[in-house]
C-alpha cells in the first residue's frame, strides 16, 4: 500500500489539534469568558462564585458528570450516533464495501454451518437446501462480477449502498 507521509502527518496533526489542543483551549476559554464577562458583572453570581478558581472547581465537579451523561445519551439512548454511522458508511466507500462484505460472509457462514451440522449428523441435504446454496452462490458471484466490471464506474459504490439499504437496514 502506497503511503504519503505528508498526508498521514496532516491527518495526525488535525486529530491532535481538534481532539486535544482545541478541547483544552475551548474549556479554558469558556470558563474564562463566562466568569469575567458574566459572573464578575453580576453581584448575585459573584456571591455564589467569589473567585475564578472556585468557579472552575464547581464547574468541573458539576459540568463533567453532566457532559458524561450527555455523551452516554448520545451513544446509547438517542438516534444521533446511529445517524452519524449511517453518514459515515454512506460517504466512505471502504467502510461501505467492508460492511457489505461482512454481511455476505456472515450469511454464507451461517448457511454453511447449518449444512455442516446436518452433514455431521449423517443427514442428507434435501433439494431445497441444495437449491438455497446454489442460489446463494449465484447471488454472490453475480454481485462480485458486477462490482469488478470496469464499465460500472461509480455504480459499483451504488451497488454497495443499494445492498445496505435493501438487505441490512431492513433488520
N, C-alpha and C. Protein backbone atom coordinates (compact mmCIF):
# COMPACT_ATOMS: atom_id res chain seq x y z
N UNK A 1 0.85 -1.17 0.00
CA UNK A 1 0.00 0.00 0.00
C UNK A 1 0.89 1.23 0.00
N UNK A 2 0.63 2.14 -0.89
CA UNK A 2 1.41 3.37 -1.01
C UNK A 2 0.96 4.34 0.08
N UNK A 3 1.91 4.84 0.83
CA UNK A 3 1.57 5.77 1.89
C UNK A 3 2.22 7.12 1.62
N UNK A 4 1.50 8.17 1.93
CA UNK A 4 2.04 9.51 1.78
C UNK A 4 2.30 10.08 3.16
N UNK A 5 3.58 10.23 3.49
CA UNK A 5 3.96 10.72 4.81
C UNK A 5 3.36 12.09 5.08
N UNK A 6 3.32 12.94 4.08
CA UNK A 6 2.78 14.29 4.29
C UNK A 6 1.29 14.24 4.64
N UNK A 7 0.51 13.42 3.91
CA UNK A 7 -0.93 13.35 4.19
C UNK A 7 -1.20 12.65 5.52
N UNK A 8 -0.42 11.64 5.84
CA UNK A 8 -0.58 10.99 7.14
C UNK A 8 -0.26 11.97 8.27
N UNK A 9 0.81 12.72 8.10
CA UNK A 9 1.19 13.72 9.11
C UNK A 9 0.10 14.77 9.25
N UNK A 10 -0.45 15.22 8.14
CA UNK A 10 -1.53 16.20 8.16
C UNK A 10 -2.75 15.64 8.91
N UNK A 11 -3.08 14.37 8.67
CA UNK A 11 -4.20 13.74 9.36
C UNK A 11 -3.94 13.68 10.87
N UNK A 12 -2.74 13.22 11.26
CA UNK A 12 -2.41 13.13 12.69
C UNK A 12 -2.39 14.52 13.34
N UNK A 13 -1.90 15.52 12.62
CA UNK A 13 -1.90 16.89 13.14
C UNK A 13 -3.33 17.35 13.41
N UNK A 14 -4.23 17.14 12.42
CA UNK A 14 -5.61 17.57 12.59
C UNK A 14 -6.28 16.84 13.76
N UNK A 15 -6.01 15.55 13.92
CA UNK A 15 -6.61 14.80 15.02
C UNK A 15 -6.09 15.31 16.35
N UNK A 16 -4.78 15.53 16.46
CA UNK A 16 -4.21 16.06 17.70
C UNK A 16 -4.74 17.45 18.01
N UNK A 17 -4.82 18.27 16.99
CA UNK A 17 -5.30 19.64 17.16
C UNK A 17 -6.76 19.65 17.62
N UNK A 18 -7.62 18.96 16.86
CA UNK A 18 -9.06 19.05 17.14
C UNK A 18 -9.47 18.25 18.37
N UNK A 19 -8.80 17.15 18.62
CA UNK A 19 -9.22 16.31 19.74
C UNK A 19 -8.64 16.77 21.07
N UNK A 20 -7.40 17.20 21.09
CA UNK A 20 -6.75 17.50 22.35
C UNK A 20 -6.52 18.99 22.58
N UNK A 21 -5.81 19.65 21.70
CA UNK A 21 -5.45 21.05 21.94
C UNK A 21 -6.69 21.94 21.96
N UNK A 22 -7.53 21.84 20.96
CA UNK A 22 -8.71 22.70 20.89
C UNK A 22 -9.68 22.39 22.03
N UNK A 23 -9.75 21.16 22.45
CA UNK A 23 -10.61 20.80 23.58
C UNK A 23 -10.17 21.54 24.84
N UNK A 24 -8.89 21.50 25.15
CA UNK A 24 -8.38 22.17 26.35
C UNK A 24 -8.54 23.69 26.21
N UNK A 25 -8.14 24.23 25.06
CA UNK A 25 -8.26 25.68 24.86
C UNK A 25 -9.72 26.12 24.91
N UNK A 26 -10.62 25.33 24.36
CA UNK A 26 -12.05 25.66 24.39
C UNK A 26 -12.59 25.67 25.80
N UNK A 27 -12.19 24.70 26.61
CA UNK A 27 -12.66 24.65 28.00
C UNK A 27 -12.13 25.85 28.79
N UNK A 28 -10.84 26.15 28.65
CA UNK A 28 -10.25 27.29 29.35
C UNK A 28 -10.90 28.58 28.88
N UNK A 29 -11.09 28.73 27.58
CA UNK A 29 -11.71 29.92 27.02
C UNK A 29 -13.14 30.11 27.53
N UNK A 30 -13.92 29.05 27.54
CA UNK A 30 -15.30 29.13 28.01
C UNK A 30 -15.37 29.52 29.48
N UNK A 31 -14.55 28.87 30.30
CA UNK A 31 -14.55 29.20 31.72
C UNK A 31 -14.12 30.65 31.96
N UNK A 32 -13.10 31.10 31.26
CA UNK A 32 -12.59 32.46 31.44
C UNK A 32 -13.63 33.49 31.00
N UNK A 33 -14.19 33.31 29.84
CA UNK A 33 -15.15 34.28 29.31
C UNK A 33 -16.41 34.33 30.17
N UNK A 34 -16.95 33.17 30.53
CA UNK A 34 -18.18 33.18 31.33
C UNK A 34 -17.96 33.81 32.69
N UNK A 35 -16.79 33.59 33.27
CA UNK A 35 -16.55 34.17 34.59
C UNK A 35 -16.33 35.68 34.50
N UNK A 36 -15.42 36.11 33.66
CA UNK A 36 -15.03 37.53 33.66
C UNK A 36 -16.00 38.43 32.91
N UNK A 37 -16.82 37.89 32.02
CA UNK A 37 -17.80 38.73 31.33
C UNK A 37 -19.20 38.60 31.91
N UNK A 38 -19.51 37.50 32.55
CA UNK A 38 -20.86 37.32 33.07
C UNK A 38 -20.88 37.37 34.60
N UNK A 39 -20.19 36.48 35.22
CA UNK A 39 -20.29 36.34 36.67
C UNK A 39 -19.68 37.55 37.39
N UNK A 40 -18.58 38.03 36.91
CA UNK A 40 -17.89 39.17 37.54
C UNK A 40 -18.75 40.43 37.52
N UNK A 41 -19.68 40.54 36.58
CA UNK A 41 -20.51 41.75 36.44
C UNK A 41 -21.85 41.67 37.17
N UNK A 42 -22.19 40.54 37.76
CA UNK A 42 -23.46 40.38 38.46
C UNK A 42 -23.19 40.02 39.92
N UNK A 43 -23.53 40.90 40.84
CA UNK A 43 -23.24 40.66 42.26
C UNK A 43 -23.85 39.37 42.81
N UNK A 44 -25.03 39.01 42.34
CA UNK A 44 -25.67 37.78 42.83
C UNK A 44 -24.81 36.57 42.47
N UNK A 45 -24.35 36.52 41.22
CA UNK A 45 -23.49 35.42 40.79
C UNK A 45 -22.11 35.49 41.43
N UNK A 46 -21.65 36.71 41.68
CA UNK A 46 -20.33 36.90 42.32
C UNK A 46 -20.35 36.36 43.75
N UNK A 47 -21.53 36.42 44.42
CA UNK A 47 -21.65 35.84 45.77
C UNK A 47 -21.56 34.32 45.72
N UNK A 48 -22.09 33.71 44.66
CA UNK A 48 -22.05 32.25 44.53
C UNK A 48 -20.65 31.78 44.15
N UNK A 49 -20.00 32.53 43.24
CA UNK A 49 -18.66 32.19 42.76
C UNK A 49 -17.72 33.37 43.06
N UNK A 50 -17.21 33.47 44.30
CA UNK A 50 -16.40 34.64 44.67
C UNK A 50 -15.05 34.74 43.93
N UNK A 51 -14.46 33.61 43.57
CA UNK A 51 -13.18 33.66 42.85
C UNK A 51 -13.26 32.78 41.61
N UNK A 52 -12.38 33.07 40.67
CA UNK A 52 -12.32 32.30 39.43
C UNK A 52 -11.98 30.84 39.72
N UNK A 53 -11.08 30.62 40.65
CA UNK A 53 -10.66 29.26 40.99
C UNK A 53 -11.82 28.43 41.53
N UNK A 54 -12.63 29.05 42.41
CA UNK A 54 -13.80 28.35 42.94
C UNK A 54 -14.80 28.05 41.83
N UNK A 55 -14.97 29.00 40.93
CA UNK A 55 -15.86 28.80 39.78
C UNK A 55 -15.40 27.61 38.94
N UNK A 56 -14.10 27.52 38.67
CA UNK A 56 -13.56 26.41 37.87
C UNK A 56 -13.81 25.09 38.57
N UNK A 57 -13.52 25.02 39.87
CA UNK A 57 -13.70 23.77 40.62
C UNK A 57 -15.17 23.35 40.61
N UNK A 58 -16.07 24.28 40.86
CA UNK A 58 -17.50 23.96 40.88
C UNK A 58 -17.97 23.50 39.49
N UNK A 59 -17.54 24.22 38.46
CA UNK A 59 -17.93 23.85 37.10
C UNK A 59 -17.38 22.48 36.70
N UNK A 60 -16.17 22.17 37.14
CA UNK A 60 -15.59 20.86 36.82
C UNK A 60 -16.39 19.76 37.50
N UNK A 61 -16.74 19.96 38.79
CA UNK A 61 -17.46 18.92 39.51
C UNK A 61 -18.91 18.78 39.06
N UNK A 62 -19.50 19.84 38.57
CA UNK A 62 -20.87 19.76 38.07
C UNK A 62 -20.87 19.45 36.57
N UNK A 63 -20.00 20.12 35.82
CA UNK A 63 -20.01 20.02 34.37
C UNK A 63 -19.59 18.67 33.83
N UNK A 64 -18.54 18.09 34.40
CA UNK A 64 -18.04 16.82 33.87
C UNK A 64 -19.09 15.71 33.98
N UNK A 65 -19.75 15.52 35.13
CA UNK A 65 -20.79 14.48 35.16
C UNK A 65 -21.95 14.75 34.20
N UNK A 66 -22.33 16.02 34.05
CA UNK A 66 -23.41 16.35 33.12
C UNK A 66 -22.98 16.03 31.69
N UNK A 67 -21.75 16.39 31.33
CA UNK A 67 -21.27 16.12 29.98
C UNK A 67 -21.09 14.62 29.74
N UNK A 68 -20.73 13.87 30.76
CA UNK A 68 -20.65 12.42 30.63
C UNK A 68 -22.04 11.85 30.35
N UNK A 69 -23.06 12.37 31.04
CA UNK A 69 -24.43 11.91 30.78
C UNK A 69 -24.86 12.26 29.36
N UNK A 70 -24.51 13.45 28.89
CA UNK A 70 -24.83 13.83 27.51
C UNK A 70 -24.14 12.89 26.52
N UNK A 71 -22.87 12.59 26.76
CA UNK A 71 -22.14 11.69 25.88
C UNK A 71 -22.74 10.29 25.88
N UNK A 72 -23.10 9.81 27.06
CA UNK A 72 -23.74 8.50 27.16
C UNK A 72 -25.05 8.48 26.38
N UNK A 73 -25.86 9.52 26.57
CA UNK A 73 -27.14 9.59 25.86
C UNK A 73 -26.91 9.64 24.36
N UNK A 74 -25.89 10.36 23.94
CA UNK A 74 -25.59 10.48 22.51
C UNK A 74 -25.32 9.11 21.89
N UNK A 75 -24.54 8.28 22.57
CA UNK A 75 -24.16 6.98 22.03
C UNK A 75 -25.18 5.89 22.30
N UNK A 76 -25.85 5.94 23.44
CA UNK A 76 -26.67 4.80 23.86
C UNK A 76 -28.17 5.03 23.86
N UNK A 77 -28.63 6.26 24.00
CA UNK A 77 -30.06 6.48 24.22
C UNK A 77 -30.77 7.25 23.11
N UNK A 78 -30.03 7.80 22.17
CA UNK A 78 -30.67 8.57 21.10
C UNK A 78 -30.29 7.98 19.75
N UNK A 79 -30.90 8.49 18.71
CA UNK A 79 -30.60 8.06 17.35
C UNK A 79 -29.42 8.83 16.76
N UNK A 80 -28.82 9.73 17.52
CA UNK A 80 -27.76 10.59 16.99
C UNK A 80 -26.57 9.79 16.50
N UNK A 81 -26.07 8.86 17.29
CA UNK A 81 -24.88 8.10 16.90
C UNK A 81 -25.17 7.19 15.70
N UNK A 82 -26.35 6.58 15.70
CA UNK A 82 -26.73 5.74 14.55
C UNK A 82 -26.73 6.57 13.27
N UNK A 83 -27.22 7.79 13.35
CA UNK A 83 -27.24 8.66 12.18
C UNK A 83 -25.82 9.01 11.74
N UNK A 84 -24.93 9.23 12.70
CA UNK A 84 -23.53 9.52 12.35
C UNK A 84 -22.90 8.34 11.62
N UNK A 85 -23.14 7.14 12.10
CA UNK A 85 -22.58 5.95 11.46
C UNK A 85 -23.19 5.76 10.07
N UNK A 86 -24.48 6.03 9.93
CA UNK A 86 -25.11 5.95 8.61
C UNK A 86 -24.41 6.88 7.62
N UNK A 87 -24.16 8.11 8.04
CA UNK A 87 -23.49 9.08 7.17
C UNK A 87 -22.07 8.61 6.86
N UNK A 88 -21.38 8.08 7.86
CA UNK A 88 -20.01 7.59 7.65
C UNK A 88 -19.98 6.46 6.64
N UNK A 89 -20.90 5.51 6.75
CA UNK A 89 -20.96 4.39 5.81
C UNK A 89 -21.32 4.89 4.41
N UNK A 90 -22.27 5.81 4.33
CA UNK A 90 -22.69 6.33 3.03
C UNK A 90 -21.57 7.10 2.34
N UNK A 91 -20.72 7.77 3.10
CA UNK A 91 -19.71 8.64 2.49
C UNK A 91 -18.34 7.98 2.36
N UNK A 92 -18.13 6.82 2.97
CA UNK A 92 -16.83 6.17 2.93
C UNK A 92 -16.93 4.85 2.16
N UNK A 93 -16.43 4.82 0.91
CA UNK A 93 -16.59 3.61 0.10
C UNK A 93 -15.88 2.39 0.69
N UNK A 94 -14.79 2.58 1.42
CA UNK A 94 -14.09 1.45 2.03
C UNK A 94 -14.94 0.83 3.14
N UNK A 95 -15.51 1.68 3.98
CA UNK A 95 -16.35 1.18 5.06
C UNK A 95 -17.62 0.55 4.51
N UNK A 96 -18.17 1.16 3.47
CA UNK A 96 -19.37 0.61 2.83
C UNK A 96 -19.08 -0.77 2.26
N UNK A 97 -17.94 -0.92 1.57
CA UNK A 97 -17.57 -2.21 0.98
C UNK A 97 -17.37 -3.25 2.07
N UNK A 98 -16.68 -2.88 3.16
CA UNK A 98 -16.45 -3.83 4.25
C UNK A 98 -17.76 -4.24 4.92
N UNK A 99 -18.69 -3.31 5.03
CA UNK A 99 -19.99 -3.64 5.64
C UNK A 99 -20.74 -4.65 4.79
N UNK A 100 -20.76 -4.44 3.49
CA UNK A 100 -21.45 -5.37 2.58
C UNK A 100 -20.75 -6.73 2.60
N UNK A 101 -19.42 -6.73 2.51
CA UNK A 101 -18.69 -8.00 2.51
C UNK A 101 -18.91 -8.77 3.81
N UNK A 102 -18.89 -8.08 4.93
CA UNK A 102 -19.10 -8.75 6.22
C UNK A 102 -20.49 -9.36 6.29
N UNK A 103 -21.49 -8.63 5.82
CA UNK A 103 -22.86 -9.15 5.83
C UNK A 103 -22.96 -10.40 4.98
N UNK A 104 -22.37 -10.37 3.80
CA UNK A 104 -22.41 -11.55 2.92
C UNK A 104 -21.68 -12.73 3.56
N UNK A 105 -20.54 -12.48 4.16
CA UNK A 105 -19.78 -13.56 4.81
C UNK A 105 -20.55 -14.17 5.97
N UNK A 106 -21.21 -13.35 6.76
CA UNK A 106 -21.99 -13.87 7.88
C UNK A 106 -23.12 -14.77 7.38
N UNK A 107 -23.83 -14.31 6.37
CA UNK A 107 -24.94 -15.11 5.83
C UNK A 107 -24.42 -16.44 5.27
N UNK A 108 -23.34 -16.36 4.53
CA UNK A 108 -22.77 -17.57 3.94
C UNK A 108 -22.27 -18.52 5.03
N UNK A 109 -21.58 -18.00 6.02
CA UNK A 109 -21.07 -18.84 7.10
C UNK A 109 -22.19 -19.49 7.90
N UNK A 110 -23.25 -18.74 8.16
CA UNK A 110 -24.37 -19.33 8.90
C UNK A 110 -25.01 -20.46 8.11
N UNK A 111 -25.16 -20.27 6.82
CA UNK A 111 -25.74 -21.33 5.97
C UNK A 111 -24.82 -22.54 5.94
N UNK A 112 -23.52 -22.29 5.77
CA UNK A 112 -22.56 -23.40 5.73
C UNK A 112 -22.51 -24.15 7.06
N UNK A 113 -22.59 -23.43 8.16
CA UNK A 113 -22.60 -24.09 9.47
C UNK A 113 -23.83 -24.98 9.65
N UNK A 114 -24.97 -24.48 9.23
CA UNK A 114 -26.18 -25.31 9.37
C UNK A 114 -26.08 -26.56 8.50
N UNK A 115 -25.53 -26.42 7.29
CA UNK A 115 -25.36 -27.59 6.43
C UNK A 115 -24.30 -28.54 6.99
N UNK A 116 -23.23 -27.99 7.53
CA UNK A 116 -22.18 -28.82 8.12
C UNK A 116 -22.71 -29.61 9.32
N UNK A 117 -23.51 -28.97 10.14
CA UNK A 117 -24.11 -29.67 11.27
C UNK A 117 -25.03 -30.79 10.79
N UNK A 118 -25.78 -30.53 9.78
CA UNK A 118 -26.67 -31.55 9.23
C UNK A 118 -25.86 -32.72 8.67
N UNK A 119 -24.82 -32.42 7.91
CA UNK A 119 -23.99 -33.49 7.34
C UNK A 119 -23.24 -34.26 8.42
N UNK A 120 -22.87 -33.58 9.50
CA UNK A 120 -22.15 -34.28 10.58
C UNK A 120 -23.06 -35.27 11.31
N UNK A 121 -24.35 -35.04 11.21
CA UNK A 121 -25.32 -35.99 11.79
C UNK A 121 -25.70 -37.07 10.80
N UNK A 122 -24.95 -37.12 9.69
CA UNK A 122 -25.17 -38.11 8.64
C UNK A 122 -26.54 -37.97 7.98
N UNK A 123 -27.05 -36.74 7.97
CA UNK A 123 -28.31 -36.47 7.28
C UNK A 123 -27.99 -35.99 5.87
N UNK A 124 -28.90 -36.25 4.98
CA UNK A 124 -28.73 -35.84 3.59
C UNK A 124 -29.35 -34.45 3.38
N UNK A 125 -28.75 -33.74 2.43
CA UNK A 125 -29.33 -32.44 2.06
C UNK A 125 -30.52 -32.69 1.16
N UNK A 126 -31.60 -31.97 1.44
CA UNK A 126 -32.73 -32.10 0.52
C UNK A 126 -32.57 -31.11 -0.63
N UNK A 127 -33.46 -31.19 -1.59
CA UNK A 127 -33.34 -30.38 -2.80
C UNK A 127 -33.45 -28.89 -2.51
N UNK A 128 -34.29 -28.53 -1.55
CA UNK A 128 -34.45 -27.09 -1.26
C UNK A 128 -33.17 -26.52 -0.65
N UNK A 129 -32.52 -27.26 0.23
CA UNK A 129 -31.26 -26.79 0.82
C UNK A 129 -30.16 -26.68 -0.23
N UNK A 130 -30.10 -27.65 -1.09
CA UNK A 130 -29.12 -27.63 -2.17
C UNK A 130 -29.37 -26.43 -3.09
N UNK A 131 -30.64 -26.17 -3.38
CA UNK A 131 -31.00 -25.04 -4.24
C UNK A 131 -30.67 -23.71 -3.53
N UNK A 132 -30.88 -23.63 -2.23
CA UNK A 132 -30.56 -22.42 -1.49
C UNK A 132 -29.07 -22.10 -1.59
N UNK A 133 -28.24 -23.14 -1.47
CA UNK A 133 -26.78 -22.94 -1.58
C UNK A 133 -26.42 -22.50 -2.99
N UNK A 134 -27.01 -23.13 -3.98
CA UNK A 134 -26.74 -22.74 -5.37
C UNK A 134 -27.18 -21.29 -5.63
N UNK A 135 -28.34 -20.93 -5.12
CA UNK A 135 -28.83 -19.56 -5.30
C UNK A 135 -27.92 -18.55 -4.60
N UNK A 136 -27.48 -18.90 -3.41
CA UNK A 136 -26.59 -18.02 -2.67
C UNK A 136 -25.27 -17.84 -3.42
N UNK A 137 -24.76 -18.95 -3.95
CA UNK A 137 -23.52 -18.89 -4.73
C UNK A 137 -23.70 -18.00 -5.96
N UNK A 138 -24.80 -18.19 -6.67
CA UNK A 138 -25.07 -17.38 -7.86
C UNK A 138 -25.20 -15.90 -7.50
N UNK A 139 -25.90 -15.63 -6.41
CA UNK A 139 -26.09 -14.24 -5.98
C UNK A 139 -24.75 -13.57 -5.65
N UNK A 140 -23.91 -14.27 -4.92
CA UNK A 140 -22.61 -13.70 -4.55
C UNK A 140 -21.72 -13.54 -5.78
N UNK A 141 -21.68 -14.57 -6.64
CA UNK A 141 -20.87 -14.46 -7.86
C UNK A 141 -21.35 -13.33 -8.76
N UNK A 142 -22.65 -13.21 -8.90
CA UNK A 142 -23.22 -12.14 -9.72
C UNK A 142 -22.86 -10.78 -9.14
N UNK A 143 -22.99 -10.64 -7.84
CA UNK A 143 -22.66 -9.37 -7.17
C UNK A 143 -21.19 -9.03 -7.35
N UNK A 144 -20.32 -10.02 -7.16
CA UNK A 144 -18.88 -9.79 -7.32
C UNK A 144 -18.53 -9.44 -8.75
N UNK A 145 -19.17 -10.11 -9.71
CA UNK A 145 -18.88 -9.84 -11.12
C UNK A 145 -19.30 -8.42 -11.49
N UNK A 146 -20.46 -8.01 -11.04
CA UNK A 146 -20.93 -6.66 -11.34
C UNK A 146 -20.03 -5.61 -10.68
N UNK A 147 -19.55 -5.91 -9.49
CA UNK A 147 -18.67 -4.99 -8.78
C UNK A 147 -17.34 -4.81 -9.49
N UNK A 148 -16.82 -5.90 -10.03
CA UNK A 148 -15.48 -5.84 -10.63
C UNK A 148 -15.52 -5.40 -12.09
N UNK A 149 -16.70 -5.27 -12.65
CA UNK A 149 -16.83 -4.85 -14.04
C UNK A 149 -16.40 -3.38 -14.16
N UNK A 150 -15.39 -3.13 -14.99
CA UNK A 150 -14.84 -1.79 -15.10
C UNK A 150 -15.81 -0.81 -15.74
N UNK A 151 -16.81 -1.28 -16.42
CA UNK A 151 -17.76 -0.39 -17.09
C UNK A 151 -18.75 0.24 -16.12
N UNK A 152 -18.80 -0.25 -14.90
CA UNK A 152 -19.78 0.25 -13.96
C UNK A 152 -19.39 1.60 -13.36
N UNK A 153 -18.12 1.89 -13.20
CA UNK A 153 -17.68 3.17 -12.65
C UNK A 153 -18.24 3.41 -11.27
N UNK A 154 -18.91 4.54 -11.07
CA UNK A 154 -19.46 4.90 -9.76
C UNK A 154 -20.65 4.03 -9.36
N UNK A 155 -21.21 3.31 -10.32
CA UNK A 155 -22.33 2.44 -9.99
C UNK A 155 -21.92 1.33 -9.03
N UNK A 156 -20.63 1.00 -8.98
CA UNK A 156 -20.16 -0.02 -8.04
C UNK A 156 -20.46 0.43 -6.62
N UNK A 157 -20.16 1.69 -6.29
CA UNK A 157 -20.47 2.20 -4.96
C UNK A 157 -21.98 2.22 -4.72
N UNK A 158 -22.74 2.50 -5.78
CA UNK A 158 -24.19 2.48 -5.66
C UNK A 158 -24.71 1.08 -5.37
N UNK A 159 -24.05 0.07 -5.94
CA UNK A 159 -24.46 -1.31 -5.67
C UNK A 159 -24.32 -1.62 -4.18
N UNK A 160 -23.19 -1.23 -3.60
CA UNK A 160 -22.99 -1.47 -2.16
C UNK A 160 -24.06 -0.74 -1.35
N UNK A 161 -24.35 0.51 -1.72
CA UNK A 161 -25.34 1.29 -0.99
C UNK A 161 -26.73 0.69 -1.14
N UNK A 162 -27.06 0.23 -2.33
CA UNK A 162 -28.35 -0.43 -2.53
C UNK A 162 -28.46 -1.69 -1.68
N UNK A 163 -27.37 -2.46 -1.61
CA UNK A 163 -27.37 -3.68 -0.79
C UNK A 163 -27.60 -3.31 0.67
N UNK A 164 -26.92 -2.28 1.14
CA UNK A 164 -27.09 -1.86 2.54
C UNK A 164 -28.53 -1.43 2.79
N UNK A 165 -29.08 -0.63 1.91
CA UNK A 165 -30.46 -0.15 2.10
C UNK A 165 -31.47 -1.28 2.04
N UNK A 166 -31.27 -2.21 1.12
CA UNK A 166 -32.25 -3.29 0.91
C UNK A 166 -32.09 -4.43 1.91
N UNK A 167 -30.85 -4.82 2.17
CA UNK A 167 -30.61 -6.05 2.94
C UNK A 167 -30.25 -5.83 4.41
N UNK A 168 -29.58 -4.73 4.73
CA UNK A 168 -29.10 -4.55 6.10
C UNK A 168 -30.03 -3.66 6.91
N UNK A 169 -30.46 -2.56 6.35
CA UNK A 169 -31.30 -1.62 7.11
C UNK A 169 -32.69 -2.16 7.40
N UNK A 170 -33.10 -3.19 6.69
CA UNK A 170 -34.44 -3.75 6.94
C UNK A 170 -34.49 -4.50 8.26
N UNK A 171 -33.33 -4.82 8.83
CA UNK A 171 -33.29 -5.59 10.07
C UNK A 171 -33.71 -4.79 11.27
